[in-house]
């Protein structure tokens, strides 16, 4: 019986998992927790240290991040910061 209805059972099992087991809340609770946030901070700090220790220009770093031909300008960025 199972081989005949294998496709149907697979679809129903997939729907069950998506509808009831994998919810935005369950993903959020796994990703957004103290340990994950601490790990993300450590990763970002290490990457920033690497970027700052290179001899690359800001344009080269932005290009490396996929922001090619960016019109980024530090003076403009600082000027556009609004303090409330």
PDB file of N, CA and C in Angstrom:
ATOM      1  N   UNK A   1       0.824  -1.189   0.000  1.00  0.00           N
ATOM      2  CA  UNK A   1       0.000   0.000   0.000  1.00  0.00           C
ATOM      3  C   UNK A   1       0.873   1.260   0.000  1.00  0.00           C
ATOM      4  N   UNK A   2       1.933   1.281   0.762  1.00  0.00           N
ATOM      5  CA  UNK A   2       2.754   2.487   0.856  1.00  0.00           C
ATOM      6  C   UNK A   2       3.400   2.841  -0.482  1.00  0.00           C
ATOM      7  N   UNK A   3       3.992   1.875  -1.227  1.00  0.00           N
ATOM      8  CA  UNK A   3       4.601   2.261  -2.506  1.00  0.00           C
ATOM      9  C   UNK A   3       3.617   2.897  -3.473  1.00  0.00           C
ATOM     10  N   UNK A   4       2.365   2.469  -3.466  1.00  0.00           N
ATOM     11  CA  UNK A   4       1.370   3.035  -4.377  1.00  0.00           C
ATOM     12  C   UNK A   4       1.067   4.486  -4.046  1.00  0.00           C
ATOM     13  N   UNK A   5       1.113   4.824  -2.779  1.00  0.00           N
ATOM     14  CA  UNK A   5       0.722   6.183  -2.347  1.00  0.00           C
ATOM     15  C   UNK A   5       1.923   6.975  -1.837  1.00  0.00           C
ATOM     16  N   UNK A   6       3.127   6.557  -2.217  1.00  0.00           N
ATOM     17  CA  UNK A   6       4.335   7.195  -1.696  1.00  0.00           C
ATOM     18  C   UNK A   6       4.379   8.690  -2.001  1.00  0.00           C
ATOM     19  N   UNK A   7       4.063   9.088  -3.224  1.00  0.00           N
ATOM     20  CA  UNK A   7       4.073  10.516  -3.580  1.00  0.00           C
ATOM     21  C   UNK A   7       3.079  11.304  -2.733  1.00  0.00           C
ATOM     22  N   UNK A   8       1.883  10.771  -2.583  1.00  0.00           N
ATOM     23  CA  UNK A   8       0.850  11.451  -1.795  1.00  0.00           C
ATOM     24  C   UNK A   8       1.268  11.570  -0.336  1.00  0.00           C
ATOM     25  N   UNK A   9       1.810  10.506   0.220  1.00  0.00           N
ATOM     26  CA  UNK A   9       2.254  10.524   1.617  1.00  0.00           C
ATOM     27  C   UNK A   9       3.415  11.511   1.812  1.00  0.00           C
ATOM     28  N   UNK A  10       4.325  11.545   0.847  1.00  0.00           N
ATOM     29  CA  UNK A  10       5.456  12.469   0.931  1.00  0.00           C
ATOM     30  C   UNK A  10       4.960  13.919   0.921  1.00  0.00           C
ATOM     31  N   UNK A  11       4.002  14.218   0.063  1.00  0.00           N
ATOM     32  CA  UNK A  11       3.455  15.576   0.005  1.00  0.00           C
ATOM     33  C   UNK A  11       2.739  15.940   1.308  1.00  0.00           C
ATOM     34  N   UNK A  12       1.974  15.005   1.831  1.00  0.00           N
ATOM     35  CA  UNK A  12       1.256  15.260   3.082  1.00  0.00           C
ATOM     36  C   UNK A  12       2.222  15.445   4.247  1.00  0.00           C
ATOM     37  N   UNK A  13       3.290  14.645   4.278  1.00  0.00           N
ATOM     38  CA  UNK A  13       4.286  14.780   5.337  1.00  0.00           C
ATOM     39  C   UNK A  13       4.998  16.130   5.235  1.00  0.00           C
ATOM     40  N   UNK A  14       5.325  16.517   4.017  1.00  0.00           N
ATOM     41  CA  UNK A  14       5.951  17.826   3.801  1.00  0.00           C
ATOM     42  C   UNK A  14       5.047  18.958   4.240  1.00  0.00           C
ATOM     43  N   UNK A  15       3.781  18.865   3.929  1.00  0.00           N
ATOM     44  CA  UNK A  15       2.806  19.890   4.331  1.00  0.00           C
ATOM     45  C   UNK A  15       2.693  19.943   5.847  1.00  0.00           C
ATOM     46  N   UNK A  16       2.684  18.791   6.490  1.00  0.00           N
ATOM     47  CA  UNK A  16       2.615  18.738   7.952  1.00  0.00           C
ATOM     48  C   UNK A  16       3.815  19.450   8.576  1.00  0.00           C
ATOM     49  N   UNK A  17       4.991  19.172   8.058  1.00  0.00           N
ATOM     50  CA  UNK A  17       6.213  19.792   8.592  1.00  0.00           C
ATOM     51  C   UNK A  17       6.155  21.304   8.411  1.00  0.00           C
ATOM     52  N   UNK A  18       5.813  21.750   7.198  1.00  0.00           N
ATOM     53  CA  UNK A  18       5.780  23.186   6.907  1.00  0.00           C
ATOM     54  C   UNK A  18       4.695  23.891   7.706  1.00  0.00           C
ATOM     55  N   UNK A  19       3.514  23.292   7.783  1.00  0.00           N
ATOM     56  CA  UNK A  19       2.383  23.948   8.445  1.00  0.00           C
ATOM     57  C   UNK A  19       2.471  23.933   9.966  1.00  0.00           C
ATOM     58  N   UNK A  20       3.085  22.905  10.544  1.00  0.00           N
ATOM     59  CA  UNK A  20       3.010  22.761  11.989  1.00  0.00           C
ATOM     60  C   UNK A  20       4.356  22.718  12.717  1.00  0.00           C
ATOM     61  N   UNK A  21       5.398  22.289  12.057  1.00  0.00           N
ATOM     62  CA  UNK A  21       6.672  22.136  12.754  1.00  0.00           C
ATOM     63  C   UNK A  21       7.651  23.269  12.467  1.00  0.00           C
ATOM     64  N   UNK A  22       7.621  23.778  11.253  1.00  0.00           N
ATOM     65  CA  UNK A  22       8.514  24.881  10.895  1.00  0.00           C
ATOM     66  C   UNK A  22       7.666  26.138  10.793  1.00  0.00           C
ATOM     67  N   UNK A  23       7.684  26.900  11.842  1.00  0.00           N
ATOM     68  CA  UNK A  23       6.907  28.136  11.884  1.00  0.00           C
ATOM     69  C   UNK A  23       7.874  29.313  12.013  1.00  0.00           C
ATOM     70  N   UNK A  24       7.432  30.509  11.679  1.00  0.00           N
ATOM     71  CA  UNK A  24       8.303  31.670  11.878  1.00  0.00           C
ATOM     72  C   UNK A  24       8.801  31.763  13.319  1.00  0.00           C
ATOM     73  N   UNK A  25       7.945  31.453  14.254  1.00  0.00           N
ATOM     74  CA  UNK A  25       8.349  31.500  15.661  1.00  0.00           C
ATOM     75  C   UNK A  25       9.424  30.492  16.009  1.00  0.00           C
ATOM     76  N   UNK A  26       9.316  29.277  15.457  1.00  0.00           N
ATOM     77  CA  UNK A  26      10.324  28.262  15.757  1.00  0.00           C
ATOM     78  C   UNK A  26      11.674  28.625  15.146  1.00  0.00           C
ATOM     79  N   UNK A  27      11.651  29.180  13.945  1.00  0.00           N
ATOM     80  CA  UNK A  27      12.906  29.617  13.312  1.00  0.00           C
ATOM     81  C   UNK A  27      13.500  30.773  14.096  1.00  0.00           C
ATOM     82  N   UNK A  28      12.658  31.717  14.476  1.00  0.00           N
ATOM     83  CA  UNK A  28      13.117  32.883  15.213  1.00  0.00           C
ATOM     84  C   UNK A  28      13.726  32.483  16.552  1.00  0.00           C
ATOM     85  N   UNK A  29      13.111  31.532  17.228  1.00  0.00           N
ATOM     86  CA  UNK A  29      13.641  31.127  18.535  1.00  0.00           C
ATOM     87  C   UNK A  29      14.992  30.428  18.415  1.00  0.00           C
ATOM     88  N   UNK A  30      15.241  29.781  17.281  1.00  0.00           N
ATOM     89  CA  UNK A  30      16.533  29.122  17.064  1.00  0.00           C
ATOM     90  C   UNK A  30      17.610  30.109  16.640  1.00  0.00           C
ATOM     91  N   UNK A  31      17.223  31.111  15.862  1.00  0.00           N
ATOM     92  CA  UNK A  31      18.194  32.050  15.317  1.00  0.00           C
ATOM     93  C   UNK A  31      18.442  33.226  16.252  1.00  0.00           C
ATOM     94  N   UNK A  32      17.382  33.726  16.854  1.00  0.00           N
ATOM     95  CA  UNK A  32      17.508  34.914  17.692  1.00  0.00           C
ATOM     96  C   UNK A  32      17.491  34.490  19.154  1.00  0.00           C
ATOM     97  N   UNK A  33      18.664  34.159  19.636  1.00  0.00           N
ATOM     98  CA  UNK A  33      18.831  33.845  21.044  1.00  0.00           C
ATOM     99  C   UNK A  33      20.195  34.368  21.472  1.00  0.00           C
ATOM    100  N   UNK A  34      20.465  34.383  22.744  1.00  0.00           N
ATOM    101  CA  UNK A  34      21.699  34.986  23.241  1.00  0.00           C
ATOM    102  C   UNK A  34      22.951  34.375  22.624  1.00  0.00           C
ATOM    103  N   UNK A  35      22.987  33.058  22.505  1.00  0.00           N
ATOM    104  CA  UNK A  35      24.176  32.396  21.965  1.00  0.00           C
ATOM    105  C   UNK A  35      24.390  32.764  20.497  1.00  0.00           C
ATOM    106  N   UNK A  36      23.319  32.759  19.712  1.00  0.00           N
ATOM    107  CA  UNK A  36      23.434  33.097  18.288  1.00  0.00           C
ATOM    108  C   UNK A  36      23.858  34.551  18.111  1.00  0.00           C
ATOM    109  N   UNK A  37      23.277  35.427  18.895  1.00  0.00           N
ATOM    110  CA  UNK A  37      23.630  36.846  18.798  1.00  0.00           C
ATOM    111  C   UNK A  37      25.092  37.053  19.165  1.00  0.00           C
ATOM    112  N   UNK A  38      25.562  36.386  20.202  1.00  0.00           N
ATOM    113  CA  UNK A  38      26.965  36.495  20.604  1.00  0.00           C
ATOM    114  C   UNK A  38      27.874  35.975  19.494  1.00  0.00           C
ATOM    115  N   UNK A  39      27.504  34.854  18.880  1.00  0.00           N
ATOM    116  CA  UNK A  39      28.307  34.302  17.782  1.00  0.00           C
ATOM    117  C   UNK A  39      28.336  35.253  16.590  1.00  0.00           C
ATOM    118  N   UNK A  40      27.199  35.889  16.297  1.00  0.00           N
ATOM    119  CA  UNK A  40      27.148  36.851  15.191  1.00  0.00           C
ATOM    120  C   UNK A  40      28.040  38.057  15.493  1.00  0.00           C
ATOM    121  N   UNK A  41      28.017  38.534  16.735  1.00  0.00           N
ATOM    122  CA  UNK A  41      28.860  39.670  17.117  1.00  0.00           C
ATOM    123  C   UNK A  41      30.332  39.331  16.937  1.00  0.00           C
ATOM    124  N   UNK A  42      30.729  38.149  17.385  1.00  0.00           N
ATOM    125  CA  UNK A  42      32.125  37.720  17.263  1.00  0.00           C
ATOM    126  C   UNK A  42      32.528  37.652  15.788  1.00  0.00           C
ATOM    127  N   UNK A  43      31.655  37.084  14.966  1.00  0.00           N
ATOM    128  CA  UNK A  43      31.934  36.964  13.536  1.00  0.00           C
ATOM    129  C   UNK A  43      32.083  38.343  12.899  1.00  0.00           C
ATOM    130  N   UNK A  44      31.137  39.241  13.168  1.00  0.00           N
ATOM    131  CA  UNK A  44      31.172  40.574  12.561  1.00  0.00           C
ATOM    132  C   UNK A  44      32.409  41.342  13.022  1.00  0.00           C
ATOM    133  N   UNK A  45      32.738  41.255  14.312  1.00  0.00           N
ATOM    134  CA  UNK A  45      33.926  41.943  14.821  1.00  0.00           C
ATOM    135  C   UNK A  45      35.189  41.441  14.124  1.00  0.00           C
ATOM    136  N   UNK A  46      35.298  40.137  13.934  1.00  0.00           N
ATOM    137  CA  UNK A  46      36.466  39.565  13.267  1.00  0.00           C
ATOM    138  C   UNK A  46      36.548  40.044  11.820  1.00  0.00           C
ATOM    139  N   UNK A  47      35.399  40.087  11.138  1.00  0.00           N
ATOM    140  CA  UNK A  47      35.388  40.531   9.739  1.00  0.00           C
ATOM    141  C   UNK A  47      35.739  42.016   9.630  1.00  0.00           C
ATOM    142  N   UNK A  48      35.254  42.819  10.549  1.00  0.00           N
ATOM    143  CA  UNK A  48      35.578  44.250  10.537  1.00  0.00           C
ATOM    144  C   UNK A  48      37.071  44.440  10.800  1.00  0.00           C
ATOM    145  N   UNK A  49      37.623  43.698  11.750  1.00  0.00           N
ATOM    146  CA  UNK A  49      39.071  43.785  12.021  1.00  0.00           C
ATOM    147  C   UNK A  49      39.871  43.435  10.776  1.00  0.00           C
ATOM    148  N   UNK A  50      39.456  42.383  10.076  1.00  0.00           N
ATOM    149  CA  UNK A  50      40.156  41.996   8.844  1.00  0.00           C
ATOM    150  C   UNK A  50      40.087  43.117   7.812  1.00  0.00           C
ATOM    151  N   UNK A  51      38.899  43.695   7.648  1.00  0.00           N
ATOM    152  CA  UNK A  51      38.717  44.757   6.658  1.00  0.00           C
ATOM    153  C   UNK A  51      39.555  45.977   7.006  1.00  0.00           C
ATOM    154  N   UNK A  52      39.603  46.311   8.287  1.00  0.00           N
ATOM    155  CA  UNK A  52      40.353  47.496   8.709  1.00  0.00           C
ATOM    156  C   UNK A  52      41.856  47.287   8.654  1.00  0.00           C
ATOM    157  N   UNK A  53      42.304  46.047   8.691  1.00  0.00           N
ATOM    158  CA  UNK A  53      43.738  45.780   8.682  1.00  0.00           C
ATOM    159  C   UNK A  53      44.306  45.651   7.272  1.00  0.00           C
ATOM    160  N   UNK A  54      43.461  45.736   6.254  1.00  0.00           N
ATOM    161  CA  UNK A  54      43.949  45.641   4.877  1.00  0.00           C
ATOM    162  C   UNK A  54      44.377  47.014   4.384  1.00  0.00           C
ATOM    163  N   UNK A  55      45.042  47.011   3.280  1.00  0.00           N
ATOM    164  CA  UNK A  55      45.465  48.268   2.657  1.00  0.00           C
ATOM    165  C   UNK A  55      44.476  48.687   1.567  1.00  0.00           C
ATOM    166  N   UNK A  56      43.301  48.052   1.568  1.00  0.00           N
ATOM    167  CA  UNK A  56      42.309  48.348   0.535  1.00  0.00           C
ATOM    168  C   UNK A  56      41.582  49.650   0.841  1.00  0.00           C
ATOM    169  N   UNK A  57      41.170  50.307  -0.218  1.00  0.00           N
ATOM    170  CA  UNK A  57      40.391  51.536  -0.062  1.00  0.00           C
ATOM    171  C   UNK A  57      38.944  51.171   0.270  1.00  0.00           C
ATOM    172  N   UNK A  58      38.195  52.174   0.671  1.00  0.00           N
ATOM    173  CA  UNK A  58      36.773  51.954   0.963  1.00  0.00           C
ATOM    174  C   UNK A  58      36.064  51.425  -0.272  1.00  0.00           C
ATOM    175  N   UNK A  59      36.382  51.974  -1.435  1.00  0.00           N
ATOM    176  CA  UNK A  59      35.756  51.527  -2.684  1.00  0.00           C
ATOM    177  C   UNK A  59      36.075  50.059  -2.947  1.00  0.00           C
ATOM    178  N   UNK A  60      37.310  49.649  -2.691  1.00  0.00           N
ATOM    179  CA  UNK A  60      37.694  48.254  -2.911  1.00  0.00           C
ATOM    180  C   UNK A  60      36.958  47.328  -1.933  1.00  0.00           C
ATOM    181  N   UNK A  61      36.817  47.754  -0.683  1.00  0.00           N
ATOM    182  CA  UNK A  61      36.097  46.945   0.298  1.00  0.00           C
ATOM    183  C   UNK A  61      34.626  46.811  -0.077  1.00  0.00           C
ATOM    184  N   UNK A  62      34.020  47.911  -0.519  1.00  0.00           N
ATOM    185  CA  UNK A  62      32.623  47.859  -0.953  1.00  0.00           C
ATOM    186  C   UNK A  62      32.468  46.965  -2.178  1.00  0.00           C
ATOM    187  N   UNK A  63      33.434  47.043  -3.079  1.00  0.00           N
ATOM    188  CA  UNK A  63      33.414  46.181  -4.265  1.00  0.00           C
ATOM    189  C   UNK A  63      33.483  44.711  -3.849  1.00  0.00           C
ATOM    190  N   UNK A  64      34.323  44.424  -2.861  1.00  0.00           N
ATOM    191  CA  UNK A  64      34.459  43.056  -2.352  1.00  0.00           C
ATOM    192  C   UNK A  64      33.150  42.559  -1.751  1.00  0.00           C
ATOM    193  N   UNK A  65      32.346  43.466  -1.222  1.00  0.00           N
ATOM    194  CA  UNK A  65      31.050  43.109  -0.638  1.00  0.00           C
ATOM    195  C   UNK A  65      29.932  43.072  -1.684  1.00  0.00           C
ATOM    196  N   UNK A  66      30.307  43.244  -2.944  1.00  0.00           N
ATOM    197  CA  UNK A  66      29.311  43.193  -3.999  1.00  0.00           C
ATOM    198  C   UNK A  66      28.621  44.517  -4.243  1.00  0.00           C
ATOM    199  N   UNK A  67      29.222  45.575  -3.757  1.00  0.00           N
ATOM    200  CA  UNK A  67      28.631  46.901  -3.933  1.00  0.00           C
ATOM    201  C   UNK A  67      29.457  47.668  -4.964  1.00  0.00           C
ATOM    202  N   UNK A  68      29.600  47.046  -6.135  1.00  0.00           N
ATOM    203  CA  UNK A  68      30.422  47.600  -7.197  1.00  0.00           C
ATOM    204  C   UNK A  68      29.832  48.913  -7.702  1.00  0.00           C
ATOM    205  N   UNK A  69      30.720  49.818  -8.059  1.00  0.00           N
ATOM    206  CA  UNK A  69      30.325  51.128  -8.577  1.00  0.00           C
ATOM    207  C   UNK A  69      29.415  51.869  -7.597  1.00  0.00           C
ATOM    208  N   UNK A  70      29.651  51.638  -6.330  1.00  0.00           N
ATOM    209  CA  UNK A  70      28.836  52.296  -5.311  1.00  0.00           C
ATOM    210  C   UNK A  70      29.170  53.777  -5.283  1.00  0.00           C
ATOM    211  N   UNK A  71      28.174  54.572  -5.048  1.00  0.00           N
ATOM    212  CA  UNK A  71      28.419  56.001  -4.954  1.00  0.00           C
ATOM    213  C   UNK A  71      28.676  56.391  -3.504  1.00  0.00           C
ATOM    214  N   UNK A  72      29.162  55.436  -2.711  1.00  0.00           N
ATOM    215  CA  UNK A  72      29.434  55.684  -1.304  1.00  0.00           C
ATOM    216  C   UNK A  72      30.503  56.748  -1.166  1.00  0.00           C
ATOM    217  N   UNK A  73      30.260  57.672  -0.286  1.00  0.00           N
ATOM    218  CA  UNK A  73      31.207  58.723   0.008  1.00  0.00           C
ATOM    219  C   UNK A  73      31.150  58.950   1.510  1.00  0.00           C
ATOM    220  N   UNK A  74      32.269  58.783   2.188  1.00  0.00           N
ATOM    221  CA  UNK A  74      32.283  58.897   3.647  1.00  0.00           C
ATOM    222  C   UNK A  74      31.788  60.260   4.107  1.00  0.00           C
ATOM    223  N   UNK A  75      32.189  61.304   3.431  1.00  0.00           N
ATOM    224  CA  UNK A  75      31.764  62.651   3.832  1.00  0.00           C
ATOM    225  C   UNK A  75      30.247  62.783   3.709  1.00  0.00           C
ATOM    226  N   UNK A  76      29.700  62.282   2.613  1.00  0.00           N
ATOM    227  CA  UNK A  76      28.249  62.332   2.420  1.00  0.00           C
ATOM    228  C   UNK A  76      27.542  61.488   3.470  1.00  0.00           C
ATOM    229  N   UNK A  77      28.090  60.313   3.769  1.00  0.00           N
ATOM    230  CA  UNK A  77      27.478  59.430   4.756  1.00  0.00           C
ATOM    231  C   UNK A  77      27.443  60.092   6.124  1.00  0.00           C
ATOM    232  N   UNK A  78      28.540  60.715   6.506  1.00  0.00           N
ATOM    233  CA  UNK A  78      28.597  61.384   7.813  1.00  0.00           C
ATOM    234  C   UNK A  78      27.672  62.590   7.826  1.00  0.00           C
ATOM    235  N   UNK A  79      27.618  63.327   6.728  1.00  0.00           N
ATOM    236  CA  UNK A  79      26.749  64.494   6.639  1.00  0.00           C
ATOM    237  C   UNK A  79      25.284  64.100   6.749  1.00  0.00           C
ATOM    238  N   UNK A  80      24.934  62.923   6.232  1.00  0.00           N
ATOM    239  CA  UNK A  80      23.543  62.496   6.224  1.00  0.00           C
ATOM    240  C   UNK A  80      23.090  61.844   7.523  1.00  0.00           C
ATOM    241  N   UNK A  81      23.963  61.720   8.489  1.00  0.00           N
ATOM    242  CA  UNK A  81      23.571  61.135   9.777  1.00  0.00           C
ATOM    243  C   UNK A  81      22.738  62.182  10.522  1.00  0.00           C
ATOM    244  N   UNK A  82      21.571  61.746  10.929  1.00  0.00           N
ATOM    245  CA  UNK A  82      20.678  62.654  11.664  1.00  0.00           C
ATOM    246  C   UNK A  82      20.686  62.271  13.133  1.00  0.00           C
ATOM    247  N   UNK A  83      20.907  63.229  13.974  1.00  0.00           N
ATOM    248  CA  UNK A  83      20.862  62.983  15.406  1.00  0.00           C
ATOM    249  C   UNK A  83      19.555  63.541  15.933  1.00  0.00           C
ATOM    250  N   UNK A  84      18.837  62.708  16.640  1.00  0.00           N
ATOM    251  CA  UNK A  84      17.532  63.114  17.167  1.00  0.00           C
ATOM    252  C   UNK A  84      17.656  63.658  18.547  1.00  0.00           C
TER     253      UNK A  84
END
